[in-house]
Amino acid sequence: MNRLLRRISTVAACAAIALAAASVSADVAPADRAAARALFDQARSLAKEGKYTEACPKFEESQRLDPGMGTLFNLADCHEHAGRTATAWTLFLEVASQAKSSGQPDREKAARQRASSLEATLSRLTVAVPSASEIPGLEVRRDGFLVGKPLWGAPVPVDPGPHTLEATAPGRKKWTQTVQVGSAGAAATAT
């Protein structure tokens, strides 16, 4: 009886996974799938030529139109070659997570190895907010995205290059600063 129940639950689990995959796949219009494939092929050609700044947006749009683990891996690789190490690191970790969930240990291992090799080279930016500046309603943004209070004072991986920080609070003048973060494990702080 236990054997029968295990077999039934295994079949049910496989059917659920297949249905979930089919529904995700069914959500993509054939025209979008074709466009995604064309963009992917163009991006691969550009990447082979070393034209990563042109290839990455095509991989991104391909991924948006028809998300796939292979496209995500190629996008991570593209960002790594373009010098956007924190973005590449994050995407490789996402591929590893997806591969683990879908039972692809070789792909998971490859993605984790790529992420691990990038980790030591990650540049970090610390947003320091002095306690005297912590007033009610204070919001801090990095490149337009909210930096929550738990991240204040924490070195966070970022891509090398300029990052714009803004602080706003009710009744106060907006504060803006651009911080240049170096590459190869550089660290910067904005106060």
N, C-alpha and C. Protein backbone atom coordinates (compact mmCIF):
# COMPACT_ATOMS: atom_id res chain seq x y z
N MET A 1 0.83 -1.21 0.00
CA MET A 1 0.00 0.00 0.00
C MET A 1 0.87 1.27 0.00
N ASN A 2 1.92 1.26 0.83
CA ASN A 2 2.81 2.43 0.87
C ASN A 2 3.47 2.66 -0.48
N ARG A 3 3.84 1.56 -1.13
CA ARG A 3 4.47 1.65 -2.45
C ARG A 3 3.51 2.30 -3.45
N LEU A 4 2.26 1.92 -3.41
CA LEU A 4 1.25 2.48 -4.31
C LEU A 4 1.05 3.96 -4.04
N LEU A 5 0.98 4.34 -2.76
CA LEU A 5 0.81 5.75 -2.41
C LEU A 5 2.01 6.58 -2.86
N ARG A 6 3.21 6.04 -2.69
CA ARG A 6 4.40 6.77 -3.14
C ARG A 6 4.38 6.94 -4.66
N ARG A 7 3.99 5.91 -5.35
CA ARG A 7 3.95 5.97 -6.82
C ARG A 7 2.92 7.00 -7.27
N ILE A 8 1.75 6.98 -6.64
CA ILE A 8 0.70 7.95 -6.98
C ILE A 8 1.16 9.37 -6.69
N SER A 9 1.81 9.58 -5.54
CA SER A 9 2.26 10.93 -5.21
C SER A 9 3.38 11.38 -6.14
N THR A 10 4.24 10.45 -6.57
CA THR A 10 5.29 10.80 -7.53
C THR A 10 4.69 11.20 -8.86
N VAL A 11 3.73 10.44 -9.33
CA VAL A 11 3.06 10.75 -10.59
C VAL A 11 2.35 12.10 -10.48
N ALA A 12 1.68 12.33 -9.36
CA ALA A 12 0.97 13.60 -9.16
C ALA A 12 1.95 14.77 -9.14
N ALA A 13 3.09 14.60 -8.47
CA ALA A 13 4.08 15.67 -8.42
C ALA A 13 4.63 15.97 -9.81
N CYS A 14 4.93 14.92 -10.57
CA CYS A 14 5.44 15.11 -11.94
C CYS A 14 4.40 15.82 -12.81
N ALA A 15 3.14 15.43 -12.65
CA ALA A 15 2.08 16.06 -13.43
C ALA A 15 1.95 17.54 -13.06
N ALA A 16 2.07 17.85 -11.77
CA ALA A 16 1.97 19.24 -11.33
C ALA A 16 3.11 20.07 -11.90
N ILE A 17 4.32 19.51 -11.90
CA ILE A 17 5.48 20.22 -12.46
C ILE A 17 5.28 20.44 -13.95
N ALA A 18 4.81 19.41 -14.65
CA ALA A 18 4.58 19.53 -16.09
C ALA A 18 3.52 20.58 -16.40
N LEU A 19 2.46 20.59 -15.60
CA LEU A 19 1.40 21.59 -15.81
C LEU A 19 1.90 23.00 -15.54
N ALA A 20 2.70 23.14 -14.48
CA ALA A 20 3.24 24.46 -14.16
C ALA A 20 4.15 24.93 -15.29
N ALA A 21 5.00 24.05 -15.78
CA ALA A 21 5.89 24.41 -16.88
C ALA A 21 5.09 24.76 -18.13
N ALA A 22 4.04 23.99 -18.39
CA ALA A 22 3.20 24.26 -19.57
C ALA A 22 2.48 25.59 -19.44
N SER A 23 2.02 25.91 -18.23
CA SER A 23 1.30 27.17 -18.06
C SER A 23 2.24 28.35 -18.21
N VAL A 24 3.50 28.23 -17.71
CA VAL A 24 4.47 29.30 -17.90
C VAL A 24 4.77 29.44 -19.38
N SER A 25 4.98 28.32 -20.04
CA SER A 25 5.27 28.34 -21.47
C SER A 25 4.09 28.86 -22.27
N ALA A 26 2.86 28.52 -21.83
CA ALA A 26 1.66 28.95 -22.54
C ALA A 26 1.42 30.45 -22.41
N ASP A 27 2.01 31.07 -21.37
CA ASP A 27 1.83 32.50 -21.17
C ASP A 27 2.61 33.34 -22.17
N VAL A 28 3.52 32.71 -22.92
CA VAL A 28 4.34 33.43 -23.87
C VAL A 28 3.73 33.28 -25.26
N ALA A 29 3.42 34.41 -25.87
CA ALA A 29 2.85 34.40 -27.22
C ALA A 29 3.88 33.88 -28.21
N PRO A 30 3.44 33.16 -29.23
CA PRO A 30 4.39 32.65 -30.23
C PRO A 30 5.27 33.74 -30.85
N ALA A 31 4.68 34.91 -31.09
CA ALA A 31 5.46 36.00 -31.67
C ALA A 31 6.55 36.46 -30.70
N ASP A 32 6.22 36.50 -29.40
CA ASP A 32 7.21 36.88 -28.40
C ASP A 32 8.31 35.83 -28.30
N ARG A 33 7.91 34.58 -28.37
CA ARG A 33 8.90 33.50 -28.31
C ARG A 33 9.85 33.60 -29.51
N ALA A 34 9.31 33.89 -30.69
CA ALA A 34 10.13 34.03 -31.89
C ALA A 34 11.06 35.24 -31.76
N ALA A 35 10.53 36.33 -31.26
CA ALA A 35 11.35 37.53 -31.08
C ALA A 35 12.45 37.27 -30.05
N ALA A 36 12.11 36.57 -28.98
CA ALA A 36 13.08 36.24 -27.94
C ALA A 36 14.21 35.39 -28.52
N ARG A 37 13.85 34.43 -29.36
CA ARG A 37 14.85 33.56 -29.98
C ARG A 37 15.77 34.36 -30.90
N ALA A 38 15.18 35.25 -31.70
CA ALA A 38 15.98 36.08 -32.60
C ALA A 38 16.94 36.97 -31.81
N LEU A 39 16.44 37.58 -30.74
CA LEU A 39 17.29 38.43 -29.90
C LEU A 39 18.41 37.62 -29.25
N PHE A 40 18.06 36.43 -28.78
CA PHE A 40 19.06 35.56 -28.15
C PHE A 40 20.17 35.24 -29.15
N ASP A 41 19.79 34.86 -30.35
CA ASP A 41 20.78 34.52 -31.38
C ASP A 41 21.67 35.72 -31.72
N GLN A 42 21.04 36.90 -31.84
CA GLN A 42 21.81 38.12 -32.12
C GLN A 42 22.79 38.41 -30.97
N ALA A 43 22.30 38.25 -29.76
CA ALA A 43 23.13 38.52 -28.58
C ALA A 43 24.31 37.56 -28.52
N ARG A 44 24.07 36.30 -28.80
CA ARG A 44 25.16 35.31 -28.80
C ARG A 44 26.23 35.68 -29.83
N SER A 45 25.79 36.10 -31.01
CA SER A 45 26.74 36.50 -32.05
C SER A 45 27.56 37.71 -31.60
N LEU A 46 26.89 38.69 -31.03
CA LEU A 46 27.59 39.89 -30.54
C LEU A 46 28.57 39.53 -29.42
N ALA A 47 28.15 38.66 -28.52
CA ALA A 47 29.03 38.25 -27.42
C ALA A 47 30.27 37.53 -27.95
N LYS A 48 30.08 36.69 -28.94
CA LYS A 48 31.24 35.99 -29.54
C LYS A 48 32.22 36.98 -30.16
N GLU A 49 31.71 38.12 -30.61
CA GLU A 49 32.57 39.16 -31.20
C GLU A 49 33.14 40.09 -30.12
N GLY A 50 32.77 39.84 -28.85
CA GLY A 50 33.25 40.68 -27.76
C GLY A 50 32.49 41.98 -27.60
N LYS A 51 31.33 42.10 -28.24
CA LYS A 51 30.52 43.33 -28.18
C LYS A 51 29.46 43.18 -27.08
N TYR A 52 29.95 43.13 -25.84
CA TYR A 52 29.07 42.85 -24.71
C TYR A 52 28.09 43.97 -24.41
N THR A 53 28.49 45.23 -24.60
CA THR A 53 27.56 46.33 -24.31
C THR A 53 26.38 46.31 -25.27
N GLU A 54 26.56 45.74 -26.46
CA GLU A 54 25.46 45.59 -27.41
C GLU A 54 24.68 44.30 -27.15
N ALA A 55 25.38 43.27 -26.70
CA ALA A 55 24.75 41.97 -26.49
C ALA A 55 23.85 41.93 -25.25
N CYS A 56 24.28 42.55 -24.17
CA CYS A 56 23.52 42.44 -22.90
C CYS A 56 22.07 42.92 -23.02
N PRO A 57 21.80 44.08 -23.62
CA PRO A 57 20.39 44.49 -23.73
C PRO A 57 19.54 43.50 -24.55
N LYS A 58 20.15 42.86 -25.52
CA LYS A 58 19.40 41.88 -26.32
C LYS A 58 19.10 40.63 -25.48
N PHE A 59 20.06 40.18 -24.68
CA PHE A 59 19.79 39.06 -23.76
C PHE A 59 18.70 39.45 -22.77
N GLU A 60 18.76 40.68 -22.25
CA GLU A 60 17.76 41.15 -21.28
C GLU A 60 16.36 41.13 -21.88
N GLU A 61 16.24 41.64 -23.09
CA GLU A 61 14.92 41.67 -23.73
C GLU A 61 14.45 40.26 -24.07
N SER A 62 15.35 39.40 -24.50
CA SER A 62 14.99 38.01 -24.76
C SER A 62 14.47 37.36 -23.48
N GLN A 63 15.14 37.61 -22.38
CA GLN A 63 14.72 37.05 -21.08
C GLN A 63 13.37 37.62 -20.66
N ARG A 64 13.14 38.90 -20.93
CA ARG A 64 11.85 39.50 -20.56
C ARG A 64 10.71 38.88 -21.37
N LEU A 65 10.97 38.68 -22.66
CA LEU A 65 9.92 38.15 -23.54
C LEU A 65 9.62 36.67 -23.27
N ASP A 66 10.65 35.88 -23.03
CA ASP A 66 10.48 34.44 -22.84
C ASP A 66 11.53 33.95 -21.85
N PRO A 67 11.25 34.11 -20.55
CA PRO A 67 12.24 33.78 -19.53
C PRO A 67 12.72 32.33 -19.63
N GLY A 68 14.01 32.18 -19.51
CA GLY A 68 14.60 30.85 -19.54
C GLY A 68 15.92 30.84 -18.79
N MET A 69 16.23 29.71 -18.19
CA MET A 69 17.45 29.59 -17.41
C MET A 69 18.70 29.76 -18.28
N GLY A 70 18.67 29.23 -19.49
CA GLY A 70 19.82 29.36 -20.39
C GLY A 70 20.06 30.81 -20.78
N THR A 71 18.98 31.53 -21.05
CA THR A 71 19.12 32.94 -21.40
C THR A 71 19.66 33.72 -20.20
N LEU A 72 19.15 33.39 -19.02
CA LEU A 72 19.61 34.06 -17.80
C LEU A 72 21.10 33.82 -17.57
N PHE A 73 21.55 32.59 -17.81
CA PHE A 73 22.97 32.26 -17.67
C PHE A 73 23.81 33.08 -18.65
N ASN A 74 23.35 33.15 -19.90
CA ASN A 74 24.07 33.93 -20.91
C ASN A 74 24.07 35.41 -20.57
N LEU A 75 22.97 35.90 -20.00
CA LEU A 75 22.91 37.30 -19.58
C LEU A 75 23.91 37.57 -18.46
N ALA A 76 24.00 36.64 -17.50
CA ALA A 76 24.97 36.79 -16.42
C ALA A 76 26.39 36.83 -16.97
N ASP A 77 26.68 35.92 -17.89
CA ASP A 77 28.00 35.88 -18.52
C ASP A 77 28.29 37.20 -19.24
N CYS A 78 27.30 37.71 -19.93
CA CYS A 78 27.46 38.97 -20.66
C CYS A 78 27.78 40.12 -19.70
N HIS A 79 27.02 40.19 -18.61
CA HIS A 79 27.27 41.26 -17.63
C HIS A 79 28.67 41.12 -17.02
N GLU A 80 29.09 39.89 -16.77
CA GLU A 80 30.43 39.70 -16.22
C GLU A 80 31.48 40.26 -17.18
N HIS A 81 31.36 39.91 -18.45
CA HIS A 81 32.33 40.41 -19.43
C HIS A 81 32.23 41.92 -19.63
N ALA A 82 31.07 42.49 -19.40
CA ALA A 82 30.89 43.94 -19.54
C ALA A 82 31.34 44.69 -18.29
N GLY A 83 31.78 43.96 -17.25
CA GLY A 83 32.29 44.59 -16.04
C GLY A 83 31.24 44.86 -14.98
N ARG A 84 30.01 44.39 -15.18
CA ARG A 84 28.95 44.57 -14.19
C ARG A 84 28.92 43.32 -13.29
N THR A 85 29.93 43.26 -12.44
CA THR A 85 30.17 42.05 -11.66
C THR A 85 29.09 41.75 -10.64
N ALA A 86 28.55 42.74 -9.98
CA ALA A 86 27.50 42.48 -8.99
C ALA A 86 26.23 41.97 -9.66
N THR A 87 25.90 42.54 -10.81
CA THR A 87 24.74 42.07 -11.56
C THR A 87 24.96 40.63 -12.01
N ALA A 88 26.15 40.33 -12.54
CA ALA A 88 26.46 38.97 -13.00
C ALA A 88 26.39 37.99 -11.83
N TRP A 89 26.97 38.35 -10.71
CA TRP A 89 26.98 37.50 -9.51
C TRP A 89 25.55 37.15 -9.09
N THR A 90 24.71 38.17 -9.03
CA THR A 90 23.31 37.98 -8.64
C THR A 90 22.59 37.05 -9.61
N LEU A 91 22.80 37.25 -10.91
CA LEU A 91 22.12 36.43 -11.91
C LEU A 91 22.63 34.99 -11.89
N PHE A 92 23.93 34.79 -11.69
CA PHE A 92 24.44 33.42 -11.58
C PHE A 92 23.82 32.70 -10.38
N LEU A 93 23.67 33.42 -9.27
CA LEU A 93 23.02 32.82 -8.09
C LEU A 93 21.56 32.48 -8.38
N GLU A 94 20.89 33.32 -9.16
CA GLU A 94 19.50 33.05 -9.54
C GLU A 94 19.43 31.81 -10.42
N VAL A 95 20.35 31.67 -11.36
CA VAL A 95 20.39 30.48 -12.22
C VAL A 95 20.62 29.25 -11.35
N ALA A 96 21.54 29.33 -10.40
CA ALA A 96 21.82 28.19 -9.52
C ALA A 96 20.58 27.79 -8.74
N SER A 97 19.85 28.76 -8.25
CA SER A 97 18.62 28.50 -7.50
C SER A 97 17.57 27.82 -8.39
N GLN A 98 17.39 28.35 -9.59
CA GLN A 98 16.43 27.75 -10.53
C GLN A 98 16.85 26.34 -10.92
N ALA A 99 18.14 26.15 -11.14
CA ALA A 99 18.64 24.83 -11.54
C ALA A 99 18.43 23.82 -10.42
N LYS A 100 18.66 24.25 -9.20
CA LYS A 100 18.44 23.35 -8.05
C LYS A 100 16.97 22.97 -7.96
N SER A 101 16.10 23.95 -8.11
CA SER A 101 14.65 23.69 -8.05
C SER A 101 14.17 22.76 -9.15
N SER A 102 14.83 22.82 -10.29
CA SER A 102 14.38 22.00 -11.42
C SER A 102 15.21 20.72 -11.59
N GLY A 103 16.04 20.42 -10.59
CA GLY A 103 16.79 19.17 -10.61
C GLY A 103 17.87 19.10 -11.67
N GLN A 104 18.61 20.21 -11.87
CA GLN A 104 19.69 20.24 -12.85
C GLN A 104 21.01 20.50 -12.13
N PRO A 105 21.57 19.47 -11.48
CA PRO A 105 22.76 19.68 -10.64
C PRO A 105 23.98 20.19 -11.40
N ASP A 106 24.17 19.79 -12.65
CA ASP A 106 25.34 20.26 -13.40
C ASP A 106 25.25 21.76 -13.68
N ARG A 107 24.05 22.20 -14.06
CA ARG A 107 23.86 23.63 -14.33
C ARG A 107 23.97 24.42 -13.02
N GLU A 108 23.42 23.87 -11.93
CA GLU A 108 23.52 24.54 -10.64
C GLU A 108 24.99 24.69 -10.24
N LYS A 109 25.77 23.64 -10.40
CA LYS A 109 27.18 23.67 -10.04
C LYS A 109 27.94 24.70 -10.87
N ALA A 110 27.69 24.72 -12.16
CA ALA A 110 28.37 25.68 -13.04
C ALA A 110 28.04 27.12 -12.64
N ALA A 111 26.77 27.38 -12.37
CA ALA A 111 26.35 28.74 -12.00
C ALA A 111 26.94 29.14 -10.64
N ARG A 112 26.95 28.21 -9.68
CA ARG A 112 27.53 28.52 -8.36
C ARG A 112 29.03 28.77 -8.46
N GLN A 113 29.71 28.01 -9.31
CA GLN A 113 31.14 28.23 -9.50
C GLN A 113 31.41 29.60 -10.10
N ARG A 114 30.60 30.00 -11.07
CA ARG A 114 30.78 31.32 -11.68
C ARG A 114 30.53 32.41 -10.65
N ALA A 115 29.47 32.25 -9.85
CA ALA A 115 29.17 33.25 -8.81
C ALA A 115 30.29 33.30 -7.78
N SER A 116 30.78 32.16 -7.39
CA SER A 116 31.85 32.09 -6.40
C SER A 116 33.13 32.76 -6.90
N SER A 117 33.44 32.57 -8.17
CA SER A 117 34.65 33.20 -8.72
C SER A 117 34.53 34.72 -8.78
N LEU A 118 33.31 35.21 -8.86
CA LEU A 118 33.10 36.66 -8.89
C LEU A 118 33.09 37.30 -7.50
N GLU A 119 32.75 36.51 -6.50
CA GLU A 119 32.50 37.06 -5.17
C GLU A 119 33.67 37.89 -4.63
N ALA A 120 34.89 37.43 -4.81
CA ALA A 120 36.05 38.16 -4.28
C ALA A 120 36.31 39.46 -5.04
N THR A 121 35.76 39.59 -6.23
CA THR A 121 36.01 40.79 -7.04
C THR A 121 34.89 41.82 -6.93
N LEU A 122 33.87 41.52 -6.13
CA LEU A 122 32.72 42.44 -6.04
C LEU A 122 33.11 43.76 -5.39
N SER A 123 32.69 44.83 -6.01
CA SER A 123 32.84 46.16 -5.43
C SER A 123 31.66 46.37 -4.49
N ARG A 124 31.88 47.17 -3.47
CA ARG A 124 30.83 47.37 -2.46
C ARG A 124 30.67 48.86 -2.14
N LEU A 125 29.43 49.20 -1.88
CA LEU A 125 29.09 50.58 -1.52
C LEU A 125 28.35 50.56 -0.20
N THR A 126 28.83 51.38 0.73
CA THR A 126 28.19 51.52 2.03
C THR A 126 27.49 52.87 2.08
N VAL A 127 26.22 52.85 2.42
CA VAL A 127 25.47 54.09 2.62
C VAL A 127 25.42 54.31 4.12
N ALA A 128 26.17 55.31 4.59
CA ALA A 128 26.25 55.61 6.02
C ALA A 128 25.32 56.78 6.33
N VAL A 129 24.40 56.56 7.23
CA VAL A 129 23.48 57.61 7.66
C VAL A 129 23.77 57.90 9.13
N PRO A 130 24.39 59.05 9.41
CA PRO A 130 24.69 59.39 10.81
C PRO A 130 23.41 59.44 11.64
N SER A 131 23.50 59.06 12.89
CA SER A 131 22.31 59.02 13.75
C SER A 131 21.64 60.39 13.83
N ALA A 132 22.41 61.46 13.74
CA ALA A 132 21.83 62.81 13.79
C ALA A 132 20.96 63.08 12.56
N SER A 133 21.19 62.35 11.48
CA SER A 133 20.42 62.54 10.25
C SER A 133 19.20 61.65 10.17
N GLU A 134 19.06 60.72 11.10
CA GLU A 134 17.92 59.79 11.08
C GLU A 134 16.68 60.49 11.62
N ILE A 135 16.00 61.20 10.72
CA ILE A 135 14.81 61.94 11.11
C ILE A 135 13.57 61.20 10.57
N PRO A 136 12.41 61.45 11.16
CA PRO A 136 11.19 60.77 10.70
C PRO A 136 10.93 61.03 9.21
N GLY A 137 10.62 59.98 8.50
CA GLY A 137 10.29 60.09 7.08
C GLY A 137 11.48 60.09 6.14
N LEU A 138 12.69 59.92 6.69
CA LEU A 138 13.88 59.93 5.85
C LEU A 138 13.87 58.72 4.91
N GLU A 139 14.08 59.00 3.62
CA GLU A 139 14.21 57.95 2.62
C GLU A 139 15.53 58.15 1.88
N VAL A 140 16.25 57.07 1.73
CA VAL A 140 17.51 57.09 1.01
C VAL A 140 17.35 56.18 -0.21
N ARG A 141 17.79 56.67 -1.36
CA ARG A 141 17.71 55.89 -2.60
C ARG A 141 19.08 55.80 -3.25
N ARG A 142 19.35 54.63 -3.81
CA ARG A 142 20.57 54.42 -4.59
C ARG A 142 20.13 54.10 -6.01
N ASP A 143 20.53 54.94 -6.95
CA ASP A 143 20.16 54.76 -8.36
C ASP A 143 18.65 54.63 -8.53
N GLY A 144 17.91 55.39 -7.71
CA GLY A 144 16.45 55.42 -7.83
C GLY A 144 15.72 54.38 -6.99
N PHE A 145 16.45 53.43 -6.40
CA PHE A 145 15.81 52.36 -5.63
C PHE A 145 16.01 52.61 -4.13
N LEU A 146 14.96 52.38 -3.39
CA LEU A 146 14.97 52.61 -1.94
C LEU A 146 16.02 51.74 -1.26
N VAL A 147 16.80 52.36 -0.37
CA VAL A 147 17.76 51.64 0.47
C VAL A 147 17.14 51.62 1.86
N GLY A 148 16.63 50.47 2.26
CA GLY A 148 15.97 50.35 3.56
C GLY A 148 16.94 50.55 4.72
N LYS A 149 16.41 50.97 5.84
CA LYS A 149 17.24 51.26 7.01
C LYS A 149 18.15 50.09 7.41
N PRO A 150 17.70 48.83 7.30
CA PRO A 150 18.62 47.74 7.66
C PRO A 150 19.89 47.69 6.80
N LEU A 151 19.86 48.32 5.62
CA LEU A 151 21.04 48.33 4.76
C LEU A 151 21.98 49.50 5.06
N TRP A 152 21.52 50.47 5.83
CA TRP A 152 22.36 51.61 6.15
C TRP A 152 23.57 51.11 6.94
N GLY A 153 24.74 51.49 6.50
CA GLY A 153 25.97 51.08 7.18
C GLY A 153 26.50 49.72 6.73
N ALA A 154 25.78 49.04 5.84
CA ALA A 154 26.21 47.72 5.38
C ALA A 154 26.86 47.83 3.99
N PRO A 155 28.02 47.23 3.81
CA PRO A 155 28.63 47.23 2.48
C PRO A 155 27.85 46.29 1.56
N VAL A 156 27.30 46.83 0.49
CA VAL A 156 26.44 46.09 -0.43
C VAL A 156 27.13 45.96 -1.78
N PRO A 157 27.14 44.76 -2.37
CA PRO A 157 27.74 44.62 -3.70
C PRO A 157 27.01 45.48 -4.72
N VAL A 158 27.80 46.20 -5.51
CA VAL A 158 27.27 47.04 -6.59
C VAL A 158 28.19 46.89 -7.80
N ASP A 159 27.68 47.20 -8.95
CA ASP A 159 28.51 47.21 -10.15
C ASP A 159 29.48 48.38 -10.06
N PRO A 160 30.70 48.23 -10.56
CA PRO A 160 31.62 49.36 -10.60
C PRO A 160 31.02 50.50 -11.43
N GLY A 161 31.40 51.71 -11.08
CA GLY A 161 30.92 52.87 -11.82
C GLY A 161 30.22 53.86 -10.92
N PRO A 162 29.58 54.87 -11.53
CA PRO A 162 28.91 55.89 -10.73
C PRO A 162 27.57 55.40 -10.18
N HIS A 163 27.27 55.82 -8.97
CA HIS A 163 25.99 55.51 -8.33
C HIS A 163 25.47 56.80 -7.71
N THR A 164 24.22 57.11 -7.99
CA THR A 164 23.61 58.33 -7.47
C THR A 164 22.81 58.01 -6.22
N LEU A 165 23.10 58.75 -5.17
CA LEU A 165 22.39 58.60 -3.90
C LEU A 165 21.56 59.84 -3.65
N GLU A 166 20.36 59.62 -3.14
CA GLU A 166 19.47 60.73 -2.81
C GLU A 166 18.86 60.47 -1.44
N ALA A 167 18.72 61.52 -0.68
CA ALA A 167 18.04 61.44 0.60
C ALA A 167 16.97 62.53 0.63
N THR A 168 15.77 62.12 1.03
CA THR A 168 14.66 63.06 1.15
C THR A 168 13.96 62.84 2.48
N ALA A 169 13.38 63.89 2.99
CA ALA A 169 12.58 63.83 4.20
C ALA A 169 11.58 64.98 4.16
N PRO A 170 10.41 64.78 4.75
CA PRO A 170 9.40 65.84 4.75
C PRO A 170 9.95 67.14 5.34
N GLY A 171 9.74 68.23 4.61
CA GLY A 171 10.16 69.55 5.08
C GLY A 171 11.66 69.80 4.96
N ARG A 172 12.39 68.90 4.33
CA ARG A 172 13.84 69.07 4.19
C ARG A 172 14.23 69.15 2.72
N LYS A 173 15.36 69.79 2.47
CA LYS A 173 15.89 69.89 1.12
C LYS A 173 16.46 68.53 0.70
N LYS A 174 16.23 68.18 -0.55
CA LYS A 174 16.72 66.92 -1.10
C LYS A 174 18.25 66.94 -1.17
N TRP A 175 18.87 65.85 -0.74
CA TRP A 175 20.33 65.70 -0.79
C TRP A 175 20.67 64.71 -1.89
N THR A 176 21.65 65.04 -2.73
CA THR A 176 22.08 64.15 -3.81
C THR A 176 23.59 64.10 -3.86
N GLN A 177 24.11 62.91 -4.09
CA GLN A 177 25.55 62.73 -4.23
C GLN A 177 25.79 61.60 -5.22
N THR A 178 26.79 61.77 -6.07
CA THR A 178 27.20 60.69 -6.97
C THR A 178 28.53 60.15 -6.46
N VAL A 179 28.57 58.84 -6.31
CA VAL A 179 29.76 58.17 -5.80
C VAL A 179 30.31 57.26 -6.90
N GLN A 180 31.58 57.38 -7.15
CA GLN A 180 32.26 56.53 -8.13
C GLN A 180 32.82 55.32 -7.38
N VAL A 181 32.37 54.13 -7.77
CA VAL A 181 32.85 52.91 -7.14
C VAL A 181 33.81 52.23 -8.11
N GLY A 182 35.01 51.95 -7.63
CA GLY A 182 36.02 51.31 -8.47
C GLY A 182 35.71 49.84 -8.71
N SER A 183 36.57 49.19 -9.48
CA SER A 183 36.37 47.77 -9.80
C SER A 183 37.31 46.91 -8.95
N ALA A 184 37.22 45.61 -9.19
CA ALA A 184 38.10 44.62 -8.55
C ALA A 184 38.11 44.69 -7.04
N GLY A 185 36.94 44.64 -6.46
CA GLY A 185 36.83 44.58 -5.01
C GLY A 185 36.93 45.92 -4.30
N ALA A 186 36.79 47.01 -5.02
CA ALA A 186 36.87 48.34 -4.42
C ALA A 186 35.71 48.55 -3.45
N ALA A 187 35.94 49.43 -2.49
CA ALA A 187 34.91 49.77 -1.52
C ALA A 187 34.77 51.29 -1.48
N ALA A 188 33.53 51.75 -1.37
CA ALA A 188 33.26 53.18 -1.28
C ALA A 188 32.18 53.39 -0.23
N THR A 189 32.19 54.58 0.35
CA THR A 189 31.19 54.92 1.36
C THR A 189 30.62 56.29 1.01
N ALA A 190 29.31 56.38 1.12
CA ALA A 190 28.63 57.68 0.97
C ALA A 190 27.96 57.99 2.29
N THR A 191 28.23 59.17 2.83
CA THR A 191 27.66 59.55 4.12
C THR A 191 26.67 60.68 3.91
